[in-house]
């Protein structure tokens, strides 16, 4: 980040970050660094449909109160 004078950066991993890594990023002044671990990465991939495929979909139904309303007809 210093080499290209960036003020913001993202570091991603498919595993996790140590507490020391997170503490180090919190101590950096004048720069914003976001750490994305494997769980967050997977959630983002699912949310944005990136690198994932839909294998099943489910249909949810609820009971219609109007169907059982005795005041009609």
PDB file of N, CA and C in Angstrom:
ATOM      1  N   UNK A   1       0.820  -1.187   0.000  1.00  0.00           N
ATOM      2  CA  UNK A   1       0.000   0.000   0.000  1.00  0.00           C
ATOM      3  C   UNK A   1       0.866   1.254   0.000  1.00  0.00           C
ATOM      4  N   UNK A   2       1.955   1.214   0.754  1.00  0.00           N
ATOM      5  CA  UNK A   2       2.838   2.373   0.785  1.00  0.00           C
ATOM      6  C   UNK A   2       3.494   2.608  -0.569  1.00  0.00           C
ATOM      7  N   UNK A   3       3.848   1.535  -1.250  1.00  0.00           N
ATOM      8  CA  UNK A   3       4.547   1.655  -2.526  1.00  0.00           C
ATOM      9  C   UNK A   3       3.717   2.434  -3.553  1.00  0.00           C
ATOM     10  N   UNK A   4       2.400   2.196  -3.574  1.00  0.00           N
ATOM     11  CA  UNK A   4       1.550   2.906  -4.542  1.00  0.00           C
ATOM     12  C   UNK A   4       0.743   4.027  -3.881  1.00  0.00           C
ATOM     13  N   UNK A   5       1.094   4.340  -2.640  1.00  0.00           N
ATOM     14  CA  UNK A   5       0.470   5.426  -1.866  1.00  0.00           C
ATOM     15  C   UNK A   5      -1.042   5.237  -1.712  1.00  0.00           C
ATOM     16  N   UNK A   6      -1.456   3.995  -1.538  1.00  0.00           N
ATOM     17  CA  UNK A   6      -2.876   3.707  -1.348  1.00  0.00           C
ATOM     18  C   UNK A   6      -3.280   4.025   0.089  1.00  0.00           C
ATOM     19  N   UNK A   7      -4.502   4.500   0.244  1.00  0.00           N
ATOM     20  CA  UNK A   7      -5.028   4.802   1.572  1.00  0.00           C
ATOM     21  C   UNK A   7      -6.020   3.744   2.035  1.00  0.00           C
ATOM     22  N   UNK A   8      -6.434   2.878   1.125  1.00  0.00           N
ATOM     23  CA  UNK A   8      -7.390   1.824   1.455  1.00  0.00           C
ATOM     24  C   UNK A   8      -6.919   0.512   0.847  1.00  0.00           C
ATOM     25  N   UNK A   9      -7.212  -0.575   1.548  1.00  0.00           N
ATOM     26  CA  UNK A   9      -6.833  -1.874   1.027  1.00  0.00           C
ATOM     27  C   UNK A   9      -7.699  -2.978   1.608  1.00  0.00           C
ATOM     28  N   UNK A  10      -7.753  -4.095   0.909  1.00  0.00           N
ATOM     29  CA  UNK A  10      -8.501  -5.270   1.352  1.00  0.00           C
ATOM     30  C   UNK A  10      -7.556  -6.459   1.304  1.00  0.00           C
ATOM     31  N   UNK A  11      -7.538  -7.223   2.385  1.00  0.00           N
ATOM     32  CA  UNK A  11      -6.750  -8.442   2.424  1.00  0.00           C
ATOM     33  C   UNK A  11      -7.722  -9.591   2.676  1.00  0.00           C
ATOM     34  N   UNK A  12      -7.710 -10.577   1.772  1.00  0.00           N
ATOM     35  CA  UNK A  12      -8.622 -11.714   1.874  1.00  0.00           C
ATOM     36  C   UNK A  12      -7.833 -12.997   2.061  1.00  0.00           C
ATOM     37  N   UNK A  13      -8.439 -13.928   2.777  1.00  0.00           N
ATOM     38  CA  UNK A  13      -7.869 -15.254   2.926  1.00  0.00           C
ATOM     39  C   UNK A  13      -9.003 -16.272   2.923  1.00  0.00           C
ATOM     40  N   UNK A  14      -8.678 -17.481   2.523  1.00  0.00           N
ATOM     41  CA  UNK A  14      -9.687 -18.541   2.591  1.00  0.00           C
ATOM     42  C   UNK A  14      -9.705 -19.184   3.971  1.00  0.00           C
ATOM     43  N   UNK A  15      -8.775 -18.804   4.822  1.00  0.00           N
ATOM     44  CA  UNK A  15      -8.755 -19.353   6.185  1.00  0.00           C
ATOM     45  C   UNK A  15      -9.137 -18.251   7.166  1.00  0.00           C
ATOM     46  N   UNK A  16      -8.268 -17.892   8.053  1.00  0.00           N
ATOM     47  CA  UNK A  16      -8.587 -16.873   9.045  1.00  0.00           C
ATOM     48  C   UNK A  16      -7.381 -16.013   9.349  1.00  0.00           C
ATOM     49  N   UNK A  17      -7.599 -14.956  10.122  1.00  0.00           N
ATOM     50  CA  UNK A  17      -6.532 -14.054  10.533  1.00  0.00           C
ATOM     51  C   UNK A  17      -6.255 -14.259  12.012  1.00  0.00           C
ATOM     52  N   UNK A  18      -5.016 -14.143  12.379  1.00  0.00           N
ATOM     53  CA  UNK A  18      -4.659 -14.244  13.788  1.00  0.00           C
ATOM     54  C   UNK A  18      -5.095 -12.973  14.512  1.00  0.00           C
ATOM     55  N   UNK A  19      -5.169 -13.056  15.821  1.00  0.00           N
ATOM     56  CA  UNK A  19      -5.489 -11.881  16.628  1.00  0.00           C
ATOM     57  C   UNK A  19      -4.422 -10.815  16.422  1.00  0.00           C
ATOM     58  N   UNK A  20      -3.173 -11.233  16.302  1.00  0.00           N
ATOM     59  CA  UNK A  20      -2.081 -10.275  16.070  1.00  0.00           C
ATOM     60  C   UNK A  20      -2.271  -9.517  14.762  1.00  0.00           C
ATOM     61  N   UNK A  21      -2.734 -10.206  13.731  1.00  0.00           N
ATOM     62  CA  UNK A  21      -2.970  -9.548  12.436  1.00  0.00           C
ATOM     63  C   UNK A  21      -4.074  -8.512  12.564  1.00  0.00           C
ATOM     64  N   UNK A  22      -5.169  -8.883  13.217  1.00  0.00           N
ATOM     65  CA  UNK A  22      -6.275  -7.946  13.394  1.00  0.00           C
ATOM     66  C   UNK A  22      -5.846  -6.758  14.250  1.00  0.00           C
ATOM     67  N   UNK A  23      -5.082  -7.010  15.303  1.00  0.00           N
ATOM     68  CA  UNK A  23      -4.582  -5.923  16.148  1.00  0.00           C
ATOM     69  C   UNK A  23      -3.651  -4.998  15.368  1.00  0.00           C
ATOM     70  N   UNK A  24      -2.804  -5.573  14.530  1.00  0.00           N
ATOM     71  CA  UNK A  24      -1.887  -4.765  13.719  1.00  0.00           C
ATOM     72  C   UNK A  24      -2.656  -3.823  12.798  1.00  0.00           C
ATOM     73  N   UNK A  25      -3.693  -4.358  12.130  1.00  0.00           N
ATOM     74  CA  UNK A  25      -4.494  -3.540  11.211  1.00  0.00           C
ATOM     75  C   UNK A  25      -5.202  -2.424  11.980  1.00  0.00           C
ATOM     76  N   UNK A  26      -5.668  -2.721  13.186  1.00  0.00           N
ATOM     77  CA  UNK A  26      -6.344  -1.699  13.995  1.00  0.00           C
ATOM     78  C   UNK A  26      -5.412  -0.561  14.392  1.00  0.00           C
ATOM     79  N   UNK A  27      -4.122  -0.836  14.469  1.00  0.00           N
ATOM     80  CA  UNK A  27      -3.148   0.191  14.887  1.00  0.00           C
ATOM     81  C   UNK A  27      -2.650   1.055  13.723  1.00  0.00           C
ATOM     82  N   UNK A  28      -2.960   0.685  12.504  1.00  0.00           N
ATOM     83  CA  UNK A  28      -2.484   1.455  11.348  1.00  0.00           C
ATOM     84  C   UNK A  28      -3.210   2.797  11.314  1.00  0.00           C
ATOM     85  N   UNK A  29      -2.465   3.864  11.251  1.00  0.00           N
ATOM     86  CA  UNK A  29      -3.056   5.201  11.198  1.00  0.00           C
ATOM     87  C   UNK A  29      -2.980   5.756   9.783  1.00  0.00           C
ATOM     88  N   UNK A  30      -4.028   6.429   9.376  1.00  0.00           N
ATOM     89  CA  UNK A  30      -4.046   7.086   8.080  1.00  0.00           C
ATOM     90  C   UNK A  30      -4.384   6.177   6.906  1.00  0.00           C
ATOM     91  N   UNK A  31      -4.635   4.912   7.187  1.00  0.00           N
ATOM     92  CA  UNK A  31      -4.987   3.967   6.129  1.00  0.00           C
ATOM     93  C   UNK A  31      -6.126   3.085   6.614  1.00  0.00           C
ATOM     94  N   UNK A  32      -6.978   2.690   5.713  1.00  0.00           N
ATOM     95  CA  UNK A  32      -8.084   1.794   6.039  1.00  0.00           C
ATOM     96  C   UNK A  32      -7.790   0.434   5.416  1.00  0.00           C
ATOM     97  N   UNK A  33      -7.692  -0.594   6.242  1.00  0.00           N
ATOM     98  CA  UNK A  33      -7.445  -1.953   5.766  1.00  0.00           C
ATOM     99  C   UNK A  33      -8.589  -2.836   6.255  1.00  0.00           C
ATOM    100  N   UNK A  34      -9.230  -3.526   5.332  1.00  0.00           N
ATOM    101  CA  UNK A  34     -10.322  -4.432   5.658  1.00  0.00           C
ATOM    102  C   UNK A  34      -9.810  -5.856   5.527  1.00  0.00           C
ATOM    103  N   UNK A  35     -10.039  -6.653   6.565  1.00  0.00           N
ATOM    104  CA  UNK A  35      -9.668  -8.063   6.529  1.00  0.00           C
ATOM    105  C   UNK A  35     -10.920  -8.888   6.277  1.00  0.00           C
ATOM    106  N   UNK A  36     -10.870  -9.754   5.273  1.00  0.00           N
ATOM    107  CA  UNK A  36     -11.989 -10.636   4.950  1.00  0.00           C
ATOM    108  C   UNK A  36     -11.494 -12.065   5.091  1.00  0.00           C
ATOM    109  N   UNK A  37     -12.072 -12.784   6.082  1.00  0.00           N
ATOM    110  CA  UNK A  37     -11.646 -14.163   6.298  1.00  0.00           C
ATOM    111  C   UNK A  37     -12.471 -15.122   5.437  1.00  0.00           C
ATOM    112  N   UNK A  38     -12.186 -16.396   5.548  1.00  0.00           N
ATOM    113  CA  UNK A  38     -12.826 -17.399   4.698  1.00  0.00           C
ATOM    114  C   UNK A  38     -14.332 -17.443   4.841  1.00  0.00           C
ATOM    115  N   UNK A  39     -14.840 -17.335   6.077  1.00  0.00           N
ATOM    116  CA  UNK A  39     -16.291 -17.350   6.283  1.00  0.00           C
ATOM    117  C   UNK A  39     -16.953 -16.140   5.644  1.00  0.00           C
ATOM    118  N   UNK A  40     -16.359 -14.963   5.840  1.00  0.00           N
ATOM    119  CA  UNK A  40     -16.905 -13.750   5.227  1.00  0.00           C
ATOM    120  C   UNK A  40     -16.835 -13.834   3.710  1.00  0.00           C
ATOM    121  N   UNK A  41     -15.739 -14.372   3.199  1.00  0.00           N
ATOM    122  CA  UNK A  41     -15.569 -14.515   1.755  1.00  0.00           C
ATOM    123  C   UNK A  41     -16.646 -15.420   1.170  1.00  0.00           C
ATOM    124  N   UNK A  42     -16.906 -16.543   1.840  1.00  0.00           N
ATOM    125  CA  UNK A  42     -17.945 -17.464   1.378  1.00  0.00           C
ATOM    126  C   UNK A  42     -19.313 -16.784   1.397  1.00  0.00           C
ATOM    127  N   UNK A  43     -19.609 -16.040   2.461  1.00  0.00           N
ATOM    128  CA  UNK A  43     -20.885 -15.319   2.548  1.00  0.00           C
ATOM    129  C   UNK A  43     -21.025 -14.306   1.416  1.00  0.00           C
ATOM    130  N   UNK A  44     -19.961 -13.578   1.126  1.00  0.00           N
ATOM    131  CA  UNK A  44     -19.996 -12.588   0.048  1.00  0.00           C
ATOM    132  C   UNK A  44     -20.188 -13.259  -1.317  1.00  0.00           C
ATOM    133  N   UNK A  45     -19.523 -14.404  -1.506  1.00  0.00           N
ATOM    134  CA  UNK A  45     -19.673 -15.133  -2.773  1.00  0.00           C
ATOM    135  C   UNK A  45     -21.114 -15.593  -2.962  1.00  0.00           C
ATOM    136  N   UNK A  46     -21.727 -16.111  -1.896  1.00  0.00           N
ATOM    137  CA  UNK A  46     -23.123 -16.562  -1.973  1.00  0.00           C
ATOM    138  C   UNK A  46     -24.042 -15.371  -2.205  1.00  0.00           C
ATOM    139  N   UNK A  47     -23.847 -14.308  -1.462  1.00  0.00           N
ATOM    140  CA  UNK A  47     -24.695 -13.118  -1.572  1.00  0.00           C
ATOM    141  C   UNK A  47     -24.682 -12.529  -2.977  1.00  0.00           C
ATOM    142  N   UNK A  48     -23.521 -12.539  -3.618  1.00  0.00           N
ATOM    143  CA  UNK A  48     -23.383 -11.906  -4.926  1.00  0.00           C
ATOM    144  C   UNK A  48     -23.369 -12.903  -6.087  1.00  0.00           C
ATOM    145  N   UNK A  49     -23.580 -14.190  -5.781  1.00  0.00           N
ATOM    146  CA  UNK A  49     -23.651 -15.207  -6.833  1.00  0.00           C
ATOM    147  C   UNK A  49     -22.346 -15.385  -7.592  1.00  0.00           C
ATOM    148  N   UNK A  50     -21.234 -15.242  -6.911  1.00  0.00           N
ATOM    149  CA  UNK A  50     -19.927 -15.325  -7.558  1.00  0.00           C
ATOM    150  C   UNK A  50     -19.271 -16.669  -7.248  1.00  0.00           C
ATOM    151  N   UNK A  51     -19.063 -17.478  -8.273  1.00  0.00           N
ATOM    152  CA  UNK A  51     -18.404 -18.760  -8.091  1.00  0.00           C
ATOM    153  C   UNK A  51     -19.265 -19.809  -7.416  1.00  0.00           C
ATOM    154  N   UNK A  52     -20.569 -19.596  -7.399  1.00  0.00           N
ATOM    155  CA  UNK A  52     -21.487 -20.551  -6.783  1.00  0.00           C
ATOM    156  C   UNK A  52     -22.602 -20.898  -7.764  1.00  0.00           C
ATOM    157  N   UNK A  53     -23.232 -22.054  -7.566  1.00  0.00           N
ATOM    158  CA  UNK A  53     -24.383 -22.449  -8.383  1.00  0.00           C
ATOM    159  C   UNK A  53     -25.518 -22.846  -7.448  1.00  0.00           C
ATOM    160  N   UNK A  54     -26.734 -22.605  -7.894  1.00  0.00           N
ATOM    161  CA  UNK A  54     -27.913 -23.000  -7.129  1.00  0.00           C
ATOM    162  C   UNK A  54     -28.183 -24.472  -7.389  1.00  0.00           C
ATOM    163  N   UNK A  55     -28.272 -25.259  -6.328  1.00  0.00           N
ATOM    164  CA  UNK A  55     -28.535 -26.689  -6.485  1.00  0.00           C
ATOM    165  C   UNK A  55     -29.976 -27.040  -6.145  1.00  0.00           C
ATOM    166  N   UNK A  56     -30.589 -26.291  -5.232  1.00  0.00           N
ATOM    167  CA  UNK A  56     -31.982 -26.523  -4.861  1.00  0.00           C
ATOM    168  C   UNK A  56     -32.623 -25.199  -4.478  1.00  0.00           C
ATOM    169  N   UNK A  57     -33.900 -25.094  -4.754  1.00  0.00           N
ATOM    170  CA  UNK A  57     -34.670 -23.963  -4.261  1.00  0.00           C
ATOM    171  C   UNK A  57     -35.867 -24.522  -3.505  1.00  0.00           C
ATOM    172  N   UNK A  58     -36.358 -23.766  -2.565  1.00  0.00           N
ATOM    173  CA  UNK A  58     -37.473 -24.198  -1.741  1.00  0.00           C
ATOM    174  C   UNK A  58     -38.598 -23.186  -1.857  1.00  0.00           C
ATOM    175  N   UNK A  59     -39.816 -23.694  -1.837  1.00  0.00           N
ATOM    176  CA  UNK A  59     -40.987 -22.841  -1.884  1.00  0.00           C
ATOM    177  C   UNK A  59     -41.622 -22.865  -0.501  1.00  0.00           C
ATOM    178  N   UNK A  60     -41.818 -21.693   0.080  1.00  0.00           N
ATOM    179  CA  UNK A  60     -42.438 -21.589   1.394  1.00  0.00           C
ATOM    180  C   UNK A  60     -43.893 -21.194   1.226  1.00  0.00           C
ATOM    181  N   UNK A  61     -44.770 -21.850   1.957  1.00  0.00           N
ATOM    182  CA  UNK A  61     -46.198 -21.541   1.893  1.00  0.00           C
ATOM    183  C   UNK A  61     -46.687 -21.221   3.291  1.00  0.00           C
ATOM    184  N   UNK A  62     -47.753 -20.429   3.354  1.00  0.00           N
ATOM    185  CA  UNK A  62     -48.387 -20.144   4.622  1.00  0.00           C
ATOM    186  C   UNK A  62     -49.883 -20.317   4.464  1.00  0.00           C
ATOM    187  N   UNK A  63     -50.551 -20.573   5.558  1.00  0.00           N
ATOM    188  CA  UNK A  63     -51.995 -20.771   5.537  1.00  0.00           C
ATOM    189  C   UNK A  63     -52.663 -19.435   5.292  1.00  0.00           C
ATOM    190  N   UNK A  64     -53.635 -19.431   4.382  1.00  0.00           N
ATOM    191  CA  UNK A  64     -54.371 -18.220   4.062  1.00  0.00           C
ATOM    192  C   UNK A  64     -55.522 -18.066   5.041  1.00  0.00           C
ATOM    193  N   UNK A  65     -55.489 -17.013   5.835  1.00  0.00           N
ATOM    194  CA  UNK A  65     -56.573 -16.757   6.786  1.00  0.00           C
ATOM    195  C   UNK A  65     -57.881 -16.471   6.063  1.00  0.00           C
ATOM    196  N   UNK A  66     -57.835 -15.898   4.877  1.00  0.00           N
ATOM    197  CA  UNK A  66     -59.044 -15.616   4.102  1.00  0.00           C
ATOM    198  C   UNK A  66     -59.776 -16.901   3.749  1.00  0.00           C
ATOM    199  N   UNK A  67     -59.079 -17.972   3.503  1.00  0.00           N
ATOM    200  CA  UNK A  67     -59.683 -19.246   3.131  1.00  0.00           C
ATOM    201  C   UNK A  67     -60.597 -19.765   4.239  1.00  0.00           C
ATOM    202  N   UNK A  68     -60.198 -19.515   5.480  1.00  0.00           N
ATOM    203  CA  UNK A  68     -60.956 -20.019   6.625  1.00  0.00           C
ATOM    204  C   UNK A  68     -61.893 -18.998   7.238  1.00  0.00           C
ATOM    205  N   UNK A  69     -62.011 -17.829   6.631  1.00  0.00           N
ATOM    206  CA  UNK A  69     -62.886 -16.784   7.154  1.00  0.00           C
ATOM    207  C   UNK A  69     -64.329 -17.181   6.915  1.00  0.00           C
ATOM    208  N   UNK A  70     -65.112 -17.418   7.994  1.00  0.00           N
ATOM    209  CA  UNK A  70     -66.485 -17.902   7.876  1.00  0.00           C
ATOM    210  C   UNK A  70     -67.479 -16.790   7.618  1.00  0.00           C
ATOM    211  N   UNK A  71     -67.073 -15.538   7.719  1.00  0.00           N
ATOM    212  CA  UNK A  71     -68.017 -14.437   7.538  1.00  0.00           C
ATOM    213  C   UNK A  71     -68.353 -14.223   6.069  1.00  0.00           C
ATOM    214  N   UNK A  72     -67.553 -14.781   5.171  1.00  0.00           N
ATOM    215  CA  UNK A  72     -67.816 -14.640   3.735  1.00  0.00           C
ATOM    216  C   UNK A  72     -68.641 -15.819   3.243  1.00  0.00           C
ATOM    217  N   UNK A  73     -69.536 -15.540   2.296  1.00  0.00           N
ATOM    218  CA  UNK A  73     -70.295 -16.497   1.539  1.00  0.00           C
ATOM    219  C   UNK A  73     -70.903 -17.565   2.306  1.00  0.00           C
TER     220      UNK A  73
END
